[in-house]
N, C-alpha and C. Protein backbone atom coordinates (compact mmCIF):
# COMPACT_ATOMS: atom_id res chain seq x y z
N MET A 1 -29.61 1.71 14.94
CA MET A 1 -28.69 2.84 14.92
C MET A 1 -29.00 3.73 13.71
N GLN A 2 -29.07 5.02 13.93
CA GLN A 2 -29.30 5.95 12.85
C GLN A 2 -27.97 6.29 12.16
N TYR A 3 -28.07 6.73 10.91
CA TYR A 3 -26.87 7.03 10.12
C TYR A 3 -25.99 8.06 10.80
N GLN A 4 -26.54 9.15 11.29
CA GLN A 4 -25.73 10.20 11.90
C GLN A 4 -24.98 9.70 13.13
N GLU A 5 -25.61 8.80 13.87
CA GLU A 5 -24.92 8.22 15.03
C GLU A 5 -23.73 7.38 14.59
N LEU A 6 -23.95 6.57 13.53
CA LEU A 6 -22.85 5.76 13.01
C LEU A 6 -21.71 6.65 12.55
N LYS A 7 -22.03 7.71 11.83
CA LYS A 7 -20.99 8.59 11.31
C LYS A 7 -20.19 9.24 12.44
N GLU A 8 -20.86 9.61 13.49
CA GLU A 8 -20.17 10.21 14.63
C GLU A 8 -19.28 9.19 15.33
N ARG A 9 -19.77 7.97 15.49
CA ARG A 9 -19.00 6.94 16.19
C ARG A 9 -17.77 6.51 15.38
N LEU A 10 -17.87 6.61 14.05
CA LEU A 10 -16.77 6.16 13.19
C LEU A 10 -16.10 7.32 12.47
N LYS A 11 -16.13 8.49 13.09
CA LYS A 11 -15.62 9.70 12.43
C LYS A 11 -14.13 9.64 12.12
N ASP A 12 -13.37 8.83 12.83
CA ASP A 12 -11.93 8.72 12.57
C ASP A 12 -11.58 7.64 11.56
N PHE A 13 -12.60 6.94 11.06
CA PHE A 13 -12.36 5.80 10.17
C PHE A 13 -12.41 6.25 8.71
N ALA A 14 -11.29 6.13 8.00
CA ALA A 14 -11.31 6.40 6.56
C ALA A 14 -12.08 5.31 5.83
N VAL A 15 -12.06 4.11 6.35
CA VAL A 15 -12.81 2.99 5.82
C VAL A 15 -13.32 2.19 7.02
N PHE A 16 -14.51 1.62 6.89
CA PHE A 16 -15.04 0.83 8.00
C PHE A 16 -15.68 -0.45 7.45
N SER A 17 -15.75 -1.42 8.31
CA SER A 17 -16.30 -2.72 7.91
C SER A 17 -17.56 -3.01 8.70
N LEU A 18 -18.27 -4.02 8.24
CA LEU A 18 -19.44 -4.47 8.97
C LEU A 18 -19.03 -4.91 10.38
N ALA A 19 -17.85 -5.52 10.49
CA ALA A 19 -17.36 -5.94 11.81
C ALA A 19 -17.14 -4.75 12.73
N ASP A 20 -16.66 -3.63 12.18
CA ASP A 20 -16.47 -2.42 12.98
C ASP A 20 -17.81 -1.94 13.54
N ILE A 21 -18.84 -1.97 12.70
CA ILE A 21 -20.17 -1.52 13.14
C ILE A 21 -20.71 -2.44 14.22
N ARG A 22 -20.51 -3.72 14.07
CA ARG A 22 -21.09 -4.68 15.03
C ARG A 22 -20.35 -4.66 16.36
N LYS A 23 -19.20 -4.01 16.42
CA LYS A 23 -18.57 -3.78 17.71
C LYS A 23 -19.32 -2.70 18.48
N ILE A 24 -20.04 -1.85 17.75
CA ILE A 24 -20.84 -0.80 18.37
C ILE A 24 -22.26 -1.29 18.63
N GLU A 25 -22.81 -1.98 17.64
CA GLU A 25 -24.18 -2.51 17.77
C GLU A 25 -24.17 -3.95 17.26
N ALA A 26 -24.17 -4.89 18.16
CA ALA A 26 -23.98 -6.30 17.82
C ALA A 26 -25.03 -6.84 16.87
N ASN A 27 -26.25 -6.33 16.94
CA ASN A 27 -27.35 -6.85 16.12
C ASN A 27 -27.63 -6.01 14.88
N PHE A 28 -26.64 -5.23 14.45
CA PHE A 28 -26.83 -4.36 13.29
C PHE A 28 -27.14 -5.20 12.05
N TYR A 29 -28.14 -4.76 11.27
CA TYR A 29 -28.54 -5.49 10.07
C TYR A 29 -27.80 -4.94 8.85
N ARG A 30 -27.21 -5.86 8.09
CA ARG A 30 -26.48 -5.47 6.88
C ARG A 30 -27.36 -4.69 5.91
N SER A 31 -28.65 -4.97 5.90
CA SER A 31 -29.57 -4.31 4.96
C SER A 31 -29.57 -2.79 5.13
N ARG A 32 -29.26 -2.31 6.34
CA ARG A 32 -29.17 -0.87 6.56
C ARG A 32 -28.09 -0.25 5.69
N LEU A 33 -27.01 -0.98 5.52
CA LEU A 33 -25.92 -0.49 4.68
C LEU A 33 -26.37 -0.36 3.23
N ASN A 34 -27.15 -1.32 2.77
CA ASN A 34 -27.68 -1.23 1.40
C ASN A 34 -28.56 0.00 1.24
N GLN A 35 -29.38 0.27 2.25
CA GLN A 35 -30.25 1.45 2.21
C GLN A 35 -29.42 2.73 2.16
N TRP A 36 -28.41 2.82 2.99
CA TRP A 36 -27.58 4.03 3.04
C TRP A 36 -26.76 4.17 1.75
N GLN A 37 -26.40 3.03 1.17
CA GLN A 37 -25.69 3.09 -0.11
C GLN A 37 -26.62 3.62 -1.21
N ASP A 38 -27.87 3.16 -1.22
CA ASP A 38 -28.84 3.63 -2.21
C ASP A 38 -29.11 5.13 -2.08
N LYS A 39 -29.03 5.63 -0.87
CA LYS A 39 -29.26 7.06 -0.63
C LYS A 39 -28.01 7.91 -0.88
N GLY A 40 -26.90 7.24 -1.17
CA GLY A 40 -25.67 7.97 -1.46
C GLY A 40 -24.89 8.39 -0.24
N TYR A 41 -25.24 7.86 0.92
CA TYR A 41 -24.54 8.23 2.15
C TYR A 41 -23.17 7.56 2.25
N ILE A 42 -23.07 6.33 1.75
CA ILE A 42 -21.84 5.55 1.84
C ILE A 42 -21.52 4.93 0.48
N LYS A 43 -20.27 4.53 0.31
CA LYS A 43 -19.85 3.82 -0.89
C LYS A 43 -19.28 2.47 -0.50
N LYS A 44 -19.62 1.46 -1.27
CA LYS A 44 -19.08 0.12 -1.04
C LYS A 44 -17.76 -0.02 -1.80
N LEU A 45 -16.71 -0.45 -1.10
CA LEU A 45 -15.41 -0.64 -1.72
C LEU A 45 -15.20 -2.09 -2.15
N ARG A 46 -15.52 -3.00 -1.28
CA ARG A 46 -15.57 -4.43 -1.58
C ARG A 46 -16.50 -5.04 -0.54
N ARG A 47 -16.80 -6.30 -0.66
CA ARG A 47 -17.76 -6.90 0.25
C ARG A 47 -17.35 -6.67 1.70
N GLY A 48 -18.25 -6.02 2.45
CA GLY A 48 -18.03 -5.81 3.87
C GLY A 48 -17.26 -4.56 4.23
N TYR A 49 -16.81 -3.78 3.23
CA TYR A 49 -16.01 -2.58 3.50
C TYR A 49 -16.61 -1.36 2.81
N TYR A 50 -16.70 -0.27 3.56
CA TYR A 50 -17.39 0.92 3.09
C TYR A 50 -16.64 2.17 3.53
N LEU A 51 -17.00 3.31 2.90
CA LEU A 51 -16.55 4.60 3.41
C LEU A 51 -17.68 5.59 3.24
N PHE A 52 -17.64 6.65 4.03
CA PHE A 52 -18.64 7.70 3.91
C PHE A 52 -18.42 8.47 2.61
N SER A 53 -19.50 8.79 1.92
CA SER A 53 -19.39 9.40 0.59
C SER A 53 -18.69 10.75 0.61
N ASP A 54 -18.76 11.45 1.74
CA ASP A 54 -18.10 12.76 1.82
C ASP A 54 -16.71 12.68 2.45
N GLU A 55 -16.15 11.48 2.53
CA GLU A 55 -14.81 11.30 3.09
C GLU A 55 -13.76 12.01 2.23
N PRO A 56 -12.95 12.92 2.79
CA PRO A 56 -11.88 13.56 2.02
C PRO A 56 -10.81 12.51 1.68
N LEU A 57 -10.48 12.38 0.41
CA LEU A 57 -9.59 11.31 -0.02
C LEU A 57 -8.17 11.82 -0.23
N SER A 58 -7.46 12.01 0.87
CA SER A 58 -6.05 12.35 0.81
C SER A 58 -5.25 11.09 0.49
N GLU A 59 -3.97 11.28 0.18
CA GLU A 59 -3.10 10.13 -0.06
C GLU A 59 -3.03 9.24 1.17
N GLU A 60 -2.96 9.86 2.34
CA GLU A 60 -2.90 9.09 3.59
C GLU A 60 -4.17 8.25 3.79
N ALA A 61 -5.32 8.82 3.46
CA ALA A 61 -6.57 8.07 3.57
C ALA A 61 -6.55 6.86 2.65
N LEU A 62 -6.05 7.04 1.43
CA LEU A 62 -5.98 5.92 0.49
C LEU A 62 -5.04 4.83 0.99
N PHE A 63 -3.93 5.23 1.63
CA PHE A 63 -3.00 4.23 2.16
C PHE A 63 -3.65 3.43 3.30
N LEU A 64 -4.37 4.13 4.16
CA LEU A 64 -5.04 3.44 5.25
C LEU A 64 -6.10 2.48 4.71
N ILE A 65 -6.85 2.94 3.71
CA ILE A 65 -7.86 2.08 3.09
C ILE A 65 -7.20 0.86 2.46
N ALA A 66 -6.07 1.06 1.78
CA ALA A 66 -5.37 -0.07 1.16
C ALA A 66 -4.98 -1.11 2.19
N ASN A 67 -4.49 -0.68 3.32
CA ASN A 67 -4.13 -1.61 4.40
C ASN A 67 -5.33 -2.41 4.87
N ARG A 68 -6.47 -1.75 5.01
CA ARG A 68 -7.66 -2.40 5.57
C ARG A 68 -8.35 -3.34 4.59
N LEU A 69 -8.33 -3.02 3.31
CA LEU A 69 -9.09 -3.82 2.34
C LEU A 69 -8.56 -5.23 2.19
N TYR A 70 -7.27 -5.43 2.43
CA TYR A 70 -6.66 -6.73 2.18
C TYR A 70 -5.54 -6.90 3.19
N GLU A 71 -5.80 -7.65 4.23
CA GLU A 71 -4.86 -7.78 5.33
C GLU A 71 -4.28 -9.18 5.40
N PRO A 72 -3.03 -9.34 5.86
CA PRO A 72 -2.07 -8.27 6.16
C PRO A 72 -1.39 -7.77 4.88
N SER A 73 -1.17 -6.47 4.83
CA SER A 73 -0.53 -5.87 3.67
C SER A 73 0.10 -4.55 4.08
N TYR A 74 0.94 -4.01 3.21
CA TYR A 74 1.45 -2.65 3.40
C TYR A 74 1.71 -2.03 2.03
N VAL A 75 1.62 -0.73 1.94
CA VAL A 75 1.84 -0.01 0.69
C VAL A 75 3.31 -0.14 0.31
N SER A 76 3.57 -0.45 -0.96
CA SER A 76 4.94 -0.62 -1.43
C SER A 76 4.98 -0.43 -2.94
N LEU A 77 6.08 -0.90 -3.55
CA LEU A 77 6.25 -0.90 -5.01
C LEU A 77 6.12 0.52 -5.58
N GLU A 78 5.42 0.67 -6.71
CA GLU A 78 5.39 1.97 -7.39
C GLU A 78 4.81 3.08 -6.53
N MET A 79 3.79 2.77 -5.74
CA MET A 79 3.18 3.82 -4.92
C MET A 79 4.17 4.33 -3.86
N ALA A 80 4.95 3.43 -3.29
CA ALA A 80 5.97 3.87 -2.33
C ALA A 80 7.04 4.68 -3.04
N PHE A 81 7.43 4.27 -4.25
CA PHE A 81 8.41 5.06 -5.02
C PHE A 81 7.89 6.48 -5.22
N SER A 82 6.63 6.59 -5.59
CA SER A 82 6.03 7.90 -5.81
C SER A 82 6.01 8.72 -4.52
N ARG A 83 5.65 8.07 -3.42
CA ARG A 83 5.59 8.74 -2.13
C ARG A 83 6.96 9.33 -1.74
N TYR A 84 8.02 8.60 -2.05
CA TYR A 84 9.37 9.05 -1.68
C TYR A 84 10.03 9.90 -2.76
N GLY A 85 9.29 10.23 -3.81
CA GLY A 85 9.85 11.07 -4.87
C GLY A 85 10.90 10.39 -5.71
N LEU A 86 10.78 9.06 -5.88
CA LEU A 86 11.79 8.30 -6.61
C LEU A 86 11.44 8.07 -8.07
N ILE A 87 10.19 8.32 -8.46
CA ILE A 87 9.78 8.22 -9.87
C ILE A 87 8.98 9.47 -10.21
N PRO A 88 9.05 9.91 -11.46
CA PRO A 88 8.37 11.15 -11.83
C PRO A 88 6.89 10.99 -12.14
N GLU A 89 6.47 9.79 -12.52
CA GLU A 89 5.09 9.60 -12.97
C GLU A 89 4.12 9.45 -11.82
N SER A 90 2.87 9.83 -12.08
CA SER A 90 1.79 9.52 -11.15
C SER A 90 1.51 8.02 -11.26
N VAL A 91 1.08 7.43 -10.18
CA VAL A 91 0.79 6.00 -10.15
C VAL A 91 -0.71 5.80 -10.21
N TYR A 92 -1.18 4.97 -11.14
CA TYR A 92 -2.61 4.85 -11.37
C TYR A 92 -3.32 4.01 -10.32
N ALA A 93 -2.58 3.18 -9.60
CA ALA A 93 -3.18 2.32 -8.58
C ALA A 93 -2.41 2.44 -7.28
N VAL A 94 -3.09 2.18 -6.17
CA VAL A 94 -2.42 2.12 -4.88
C VAL A 94 -1.84 0.71 -4.77
N THR A 95 -0.53 0.59 -4.87
CA THR A 95 0.13 -0.71 -4.93
C THR A 95 0.62 -1.13 -3.55
N SER A 96 0.42 -2.40 -3.26
CA SER A 96 0.81 -2.95 -1.96
C SER A 96 1.36 -4.35 -2.15
N VAL A 97 2.00 -4.88 -1.11
CA VAL A 97 2.34 -6.30 -1.06
C VAL A 97 1.54 -6.92 0.09
N ALA A 98 1.22 -8.20 -0.09
CA ALA A 98 0.38 -8.91 0.88
C ALA A 98 0.81 -10.36 0.94
N SER A 99 0.44 -11.03 2.01
CA SER A 99 0.78 -12.45 2.14
C SER A 99 -0.27 -13.35 1.48
N LYS A 100 -1.41 -12.78 1.10
CA LYS A 100 -2.43 -13.54 0.38
C LYS A 100 -2.14 -13.51 -1.11
N LYS A 101 -2.97 -14.18 -1.90
CA LYS A 101 -2.75 -14.24 -3.34
C LYS A 101 -2.84 -12.86 -3.98
N THR A 102 -2.16 -12.70 -5.11
CA THR A 102 -2.21 -11.45 -5.86
C THR A 102 -3.64 -11.11 -6.22
N SER A 103 -4.05 -9.88 -5.94
CA SER A 103 -5.43 -9.46 -6.18
C SER A 103 -5.47 -7.99 -6.54
N SER A 104 -6.60 -7.57 -7.09
CA SER A 104 -6.82 -6.17 -7.42
C SER A 104 -8.29 -5.85 -7.21
N PHE A 105 -8.56 -4.68 -6.66
CA PHE A 105 -9.93 -4.25 -6.41
C PHE A 105 -10.18 -2.92 -7.11
N GLN A 106 -11.14 -2.93 -8.02
CA GLN A 106 -11.58 -1.69 -8.66
C GLN A 106 -12.70 -1.12 -7.79
N THR A 107 -12.50 0.08 -7.27
CA THR A 107 -13.49 0.67 -6.38
C THR A 107 -13.91 2.03 -6.92
N PRO A 108 -14.95 2.64 -6.36
CA PRO A 108 -15.38 3.96 -6.84
C PRO A 108 -14.35 5.07 -6.60
N ILE A 109 -13.35 4.82 -5.76
CA ILE A 109 -12.39 5.88 -5.43
C ILE A 109 -11.00 5.64 -6.00
N ALA A 110 -10.62 4.39 -6.22
CA ALA A 110 -9.27 4.08 -6.73
C ALA A 110 -9.18 2.59 -7.00
N THR A 111 -8.11 2.23 -7.71
CA THR A 111 -7.76 0.82 -7.88
C THR A 111 -6.72 0.47 -6.83
N PHE A 112 -6.96 -0.64 -6.13
CA PHE A 112 -6.03 -1.11 -5.12
C PHE A 112 -5.48 -2.45 -5.58
N SER A 113 -4.16 -2.52 -5.80
CA SER A 113 -3.56 -3.77 -6.28
C SER A 113 -2.59 -4.31 -5.25
N TYR A 114 -2.55 -5.64 -5.17
CA TYR A 114 -1.74 -6.33 -4.17
C TYR A 114 -0.95 -7.44 -4.85
N ARG A 115 0.35 -7.48 -4.59
CA ARG A 115 1.20 -8.55 -5.10
C ARG A 115 1.61 -9.45 -3.93
N ARG A 116 1.55 -10.74 -4.19
CA ARG A 116 1.82 -11.69 -3.11
C ARG A 116 3.31 -11.82 -2.84
N MET A 117 3.64 -11.87 -1.54
CA MET A 117 4.97 -12.22 -1.08
C MET A 117 4.83 -13.20 0.07
N LYS A 118 5.87 -13.97 0.32
CA LYS A 118 5.84 -14.91 1.44
C LYS A 118 5.61 -14.14 2.75
N PRO A 119 4.83 -14.72 3.66
CA PRO A 119 4.57 -14.02 4.93
C PRO A 119 5.83 -13.57 5.64
N GLY A 120 6.89 -14.37 5.55
CA GLY A 120 8.14 -14.02 6.23
C GLY A 120 8.86 -12.83 5.63
N LEU A 121 8.41 -12.37 4.46
CA LEU A 121 9.04 -11.22 3.80
C LEU A 121 8.26 -9.93 4.00
N LEU A 122 7.18 -10.01 4.78
CA LEU A 122 6.40 -8.79 5.06
C LEU A 122 6.99 -8.08 6.27
N PHE A 123 8.12 -7.42 6.02
CA PHE A 123 8.79 -6.64 7.06
C PHE A 123 9.33 -5.38 6.38
N GLY A 124 9.97 -4.52 7.16
CA GLY A 124 10.61 -3.35 6.58
C GLY A 124 9.64 -2.25 6.21
N TYR A 125 8.56 -2.14 6.98
CA TYR A 125 7.62 -1.05 6.75
C TYR A 125 7.59 -0.14 7.97
N ARG A 126 7.10 1.05 7.76
CA ARG A 126 6.97 2.01 8.85
C ARG A 126 5.50 2.28 9.11
N LEU A 127 5.20 2.65 10.35
CA LEU A 127 3.84 3.00 10.73
C LEU A 127 3.69 4.51 10.72
N GLU A 128 2.73 5.01 9.95
CA GLU A 128 2.45 6.43 9.87
C GLU A 128 1.07 6.69 10.46
N SER A 129 0.91 7.79 11.15
CA SER A 129 -0.36 8.11 11.80
C SER A 129 -1.25 8.92 10.88
N PHE A 130 -2.54 8.61 10.94
CA PHE A 130 -3.54 9.37 10.19
C PHE A 130 -4.86 9.29 10.95
N ARG A 131 -5.34 10.40 11.42
CA ARG A 131 -6.62 10.50 12.13
C ARG A 131 -6.80 9.40 13.18
N ASN A 132 -5.85 9.36 14.11
CA ASN A 132 -5.90 8.42 15.23
C ASN A 132 -5.81 6.95 14.82
N GLN A 133 -5.40 6.70 13.59
CA GLN A 133 -5.15 5.34 13.14
C GLN A 133 -3.77 5.31 12.51
N LYS A 134 -3.29 4.13 12.21
CA LYS A 134 -1.97 3.99 11.62
C LYS A 134 -2.05 3.14 10.36
N TYR A 135 -1.25 3.52 9.37
CA TYR A 135 -1.14 2.70 8.16
C TYR A 135 0.32 2.30 7.97
N LYS A 136 0.52 1.24 7.21
CA LYS A 136 1.85 0.68 6.98
C LYS A 136 2.30 0.99 5.56
N ILE A 137 3.51 1.52 5.44
CA ILE A 137 4.11 1.77 4.14
C ILE A 137 5.56 1.32 4.18
N ALA A 138 6.01 0.72 3.10
CA ALA A 138 7.38 0.21 3.05
C ALA A 138 8.39 1.33 3.26
N GLU A 139 9.43 1.03 3.98
CA GLU A 139 10.57 1.94 4.01
C GLU A 139 11.16 2.00 2.60
N MET A 140 11.84 3.09 2.30
CA MET A 140 12.40 3.28 0.96
C MET A 140 13.23 2.07 0.52
N GLU A 141 14.07 1.60 1.41
CA GLU A 141 14.97 0.50 1.07
C GLU A 141 14.18 -0.78 0.77
N LYS A 142 13.15 -1.04 1.57
CA LYS A 142 12.37 -2.27 1.38
C LYS A 142 11.51 -2.19 0.13
N ALA A 143 11.02 -1.01 -0.22
CA ALA A 143 10.22 -0.86 -1.43
C ALA A 143 11.02 -1.26 -2.67
N VAL A 144 12.30 -0.89 -2.69
CA VAL A 144 13.17 -1.26 -3.81
C VAL A 144 13.34 -2.78 -3.86
N LEU A 145 13.58 -3.40 -2.73
CA LEU A 145 13.75 -4.85 -2.71
C LEU A 145 12.45 -5.56 -3.09
N ASP A 146 11.34 -5.09 -2.58
CA ASP A 146 10.05 -5.69 -2.95
C ASP A 146 9.86 -5.65 -4.46
N TYR A 147 10.19 -4.48 -5.04
CA TYR A 147 9.99 -4.31 -6.48
C TYR A 147 10.88 -5.26 -7.28
N LEU A 148 12.16 -5.32 -6.92
CA LEU A 148 13.09 -6.18 -7.66
C LEU A 148 12.75 -7.66 -7.46
N TYR A 149 12.25 -8.00 -6.29
CA TYR A 149 11.88 -9.39 -6.00
C TYR A 149 10.69 -9.82 -6.86
N ILE A 150 9.68 -8.97 -6.92
CA ILE A 150 8.45 -9.30 -7.64
C ILE A 150 8.64 -9.19 -9.15
N ASN A 151 9.43 -8.20 -9.58
CA ASN A 151 9.65 -7.98 -11.01
C ASN A 151 11.03 -8.51 -11.40
N SER A 152 11.13 -9.82 -11.49
CA SER A 152 12.42 -10.45 -11.74
C SER A 152 12.96 -10.14 -13.14
N ASP A 153 12.08 -9.65 -14.03
CA ASP A 153 12.53 -9.29 -15.38
C ASP A 153 13.25 -7.94 -15.41
N VAL A 154 13.17 -7.19 -14.31
CA VAL A 154 13.93 -5.92 -14.23
C VAL A 154 15.33 -6.30 -13.77
N ASN A 155 16.18 -6.65 -14.74
CA ASN A 155 17.46 -7.25 -14.39
C ASN A 155 18.62 -6.81 -15.28
N ASP A 156 18.40 -5.77 -16.11
CA ASP A 156 19.51 -5.29 -16.94
C ASP A 156 19.40 -3.78 -17.11
N GLU A 157 20.38 -3.22 -17.76
CA GLU A 157 20.46 -1.76 -17.85
C GLU A 157 19.25 -1.15 -18.55
N ALA A 158 18.76 -1.81 -19.59
CA ALA A 158 17.61 -1.28 -20.32
C ALA A 158 16.37 -1.24 -19.41
N ALA A 159 16.19 -2.30 -18.63
CA ALA A 159 15.04 -2.36 -17.72
C ALA A 159 15.19 -1.33 -16.60
N PHE A 160 16.39 -1.18 -16.08
CA PHE A 160 16.62 -0.17 -15.04
C PHE A 160 16.36 1.23 -15.59
N GLU A 161 16.81 1.48 -16.80
CA GLU A 161 16.59 2.78 -17.43
C GLU A 161 15.09 3.06 -17.57
N GLY A 162 14.32 2.03 -17.88
CA GLY A 162 12.88 2.19 -18.07
C GLY A 162 12.13 2.58 -16.82
N LEU A 163 12.73 2.35 -15.66
CA LEU A 163 12.07 2.74 -14.40
C LEU A 163 12.04 4.25 -14.21
N ARG A 164 12.97 4.96 -14.84
CA ARG A 164 13.11 6.41 -14.65
C ARG A 164 13.23 6.73 -13.16
N PHE A 165 14.05 5.93 -12.50
CA PHE A 165 14.23 5.97 -11.06
C PHE A 165 15.19 7.10 -10.70
N ASN A 166 14.85 7.86 -9.68
CA ASN A 166 15.70 8.98 -9.23
C ASN A 166 16.82 8.42 -8.36
N GLY A 167 17.86 7.94 -9.03
CA GLY A 167 18.96 7.32 -8.32
C GLY A 167 19.71 8.26 -7.41
N GLU A 168 19.84 9.51 -7.82
CA GLU A 168 20.56 10.49 -7.00
C GLU A 168 19.86 10.68 -5.66
N ALA A 169 18.53 10.80 -5.69
CA ALA A 169 17.77 10.97 -4.44
C ALA A 169 17.86 9.71 -3.58
N PHE A 170 17.76 8.55 -4.21
CA PHE A 170 17.81 7.30 -3.44
C PHE A 170 19.17 7.13 -2.77
N LEU A 171 20.23 7.32 -3.52
CA LEU A 171 21.57 7.13 -2.97
C LEU A 171 21.87 8.13 -1.86
N ALA A 172 21.28 9.32 -1.95
CA ALA A 172 21.51 10.34 -0.93
C ALA A 172 20.74 10.03 0.36
N LYS A 173 19.57 9.41 0.23
CA LYS A 173 18.70 9.21 1.39
C LYS A 173 18.73 7.81 1.98
N ALA A 174 19.02 6.82 1.16
CA ALA A 174 18.89 5.43 1.61
C ALA A 174 19.96 5.06 2.63
N ASP A 175 19.58 4.18 3.54
CA ASP A 175 20.50 3.60 4.51
C ASP A 175 21.03 2.31 3.89
N MET A 176 22.26 2.35 3.39
CA MET A 176 22.79 1.20 2.66
C MET A 176 22.98 -0.02 3.57
N GLY A 177 23.32 0.23 4.82
CA GLY A 177 23.45 -0.90 5.74
C GLY A 177 22.12 -1.61 5.92
N LYS A 178 21.06 -0.84 6.06
CA LYS A 178 19.72 -1.42 6.19
C LYS A 178 19.32 -2.13 4.90
N LEU A 179 19.60 -1.52 3.76
CA LEU A 179 19.25 -2.12 2.47
C LEU A 179 19.88 -3.50 2.33
N LEU A 180 21.17 -3.61 2.65
CA LEU A 180 21.86 -4.89 2.50
C LEU A 180 21.41 -5.90 3.55
N GLN A 181 21.11 -5.42 4.74
CA GLN A 181 20.58 -6.31 5.78
C GLN A 181 19.23 -6.88 5.35
N TYR A 182 18.37 -6.03 4.83
CA TYR A 182 17.07 -6.49 4.34
C TYR A 182 17.25 -7.46 3.17
N ALA A 183 18.20 -7.15 2.28
CA ALA A 183 18.43 -8.03 1.13
C ALA A 183 18.85 -9.42 1.58
N ASP A 184 19.71 -9.48 2.59
CA ASP A 184 20.16 -10.77 3.10
C ASP A 184 19.00 -11.58 3.68
N ALA A 185 18.00 -10.89 4.25
CA ALA A 185 16.86 -11.57 4.86
C ALA A 185 16.02 -12.31 3.82
N PHE A 186 16.12 -11.91 2.55
CA PHE A 186 15.38 -12.61 1.50
C PHE A 186 15.97 -13.99 1.20
N LYS A 187 17.26 -14.14 1.50
CA LYS A 187 17.97 -15.40 1.22
C LYS A 187 17.78 -15.82 -0.24
N ASN A 188 18.01 -14.87 -1.13
CA ASN A 188 17.79 -15.09 -2.56
C ASN A 188 18.98 -14.51 -3.33
N LYS A 189 19.83 -15.39 -3.84
CA LYS A 189 21.05 -14.94 -4.51
C LYS A 189 20.76 -14.16 -5.78
N ARG A 190 19.72 -14.56 -6.50
CA ARG A 190 19.40 -13.85 -7.74
C ARG A 190 18.90 -12.44 -7.45
N LEU A 191 18.14 -12.28 -6.37
CA LEU A 191 17.71 -10.94 -5.97
C LEU A 191 18.92 -10.09 -5.59
N ARG A 192 19.83 -10.65 -4.85
CA ARG A 192 21.01 -9.89 -4.43
C ARG A 192 21.83 -9.46 -5.65
N LYS A 193 21.92 -10.33 -6.65
CA LYS A 193 22.64 -9.97 -7.88
C LYS A 193 21.92 -8.82 -8.59
N ARG A 194 20.59 -8.86 -8.69
CA ARG A 194 19.83 -7.78 -9.33
C ARG A 194 20.01 -6.47 -8.56
N LEU A 195 20.01 -6.58 -7.22
CA LEU A 195 20.20 -5.38 -6.41
C LEU A 195 21.58 -4.78 -6.66
N ASP A 196 22.63 -5.61 -6.65
CA ASP A 196 23.99 -5.11 -6.88
C ASP A 196 24.09 -4.44 -8.25
N ASP A 197 23.48 -5.06 -9.27
CA ASP A 197 23.51 -4.49 -10.61
C ASP A 197 22.75 -3.16 -10.65
N PHE A 198 21.63 -3.11 -9.95
CA PHE A 198 20.82 -1.89 -9.92
C PHE A 198 21.58 -0.75 -9.24
N LEU A 199 22.24 -1.05 -8.14
CA LEU A 199 23.01 -0.02 -7.43
C LEU A 199 24.17 0.48 -8.29
N GLU A 200 24.82 -0.41 -8.99
CA GLU A 200 25.90 0.00 -9.88
C GLU A 200 25.37 0.91 -10.98
N PHE A 201 24.21 0.55 -11.50
CA PHE A 201 23.58 1.37 -12.54
C PHE A 201 23.27 2.77 -12.00
N LEU A 202 22.72 2.84 -10.79
CA LEU A 202 22.40 4.14 -10.20
C LEU A 202 23.64 5.00 -9.98
N LYS A 203 24.72 4.37 -9.55
CA LYS A 203 25.96 5.10 -9.32
C LYS A 203 26.54 5.65 -10.62
N ARG A 204 26.48 4.84 -11.67
CA ARG A 204 27.00 5.30 -12.97
C ARG A 204 26.14 6.41 -13.56
N SER A 205 24.84 6.42 -13.19
CA SER A 205 23.91 7.36 -13.79
C SER A 205 23.82 8.69 -13.06
N LYS A 206 24.53 8.84 -11.95
CA LYS A 206 24.46 10.08 -11.16
C LYS A 206 24.92 11.29 -11.98
């Protein structure tokens, strides 16, 4: 298979794997990828995963790539906060939660970080469409719970203040019934206490 043919066949893929290529050409040799990488046609993100060097890197493309690099996972935590306008700062890494061990990948395009959660807690995400594919991102309510669950030290007023969280926007947009339903699904009393304290803090800070 020639490079231009591959690019045409995978034109909707923000990221592609060797397995994706072998669905098109079963006997494809990995060495071709090394050659195309040396010529600057493609970039290697991690073993077995690549993108075309001229791929436009929108936020949506980065989210789709994050989902594919480490599965199963979905975008959450600080990156989801940023996406929903809940924190003022730019986020230096594309943050996700995954059922595998905590990991981070430094790539030529971005840092992708993953925090481990129990497989049964990987829920509460929405599917967004991007170039005929879909990526998973936490709903606003679940992103907050994911963050409080993983960052158990965020448990008092000083820590809440340090988040610089846009409580007014969250309280105006969040579905409180869904938030509490999701919180109950964690079956974690200490998390529920942190959530209650956080909500009280947000209400006082309006």
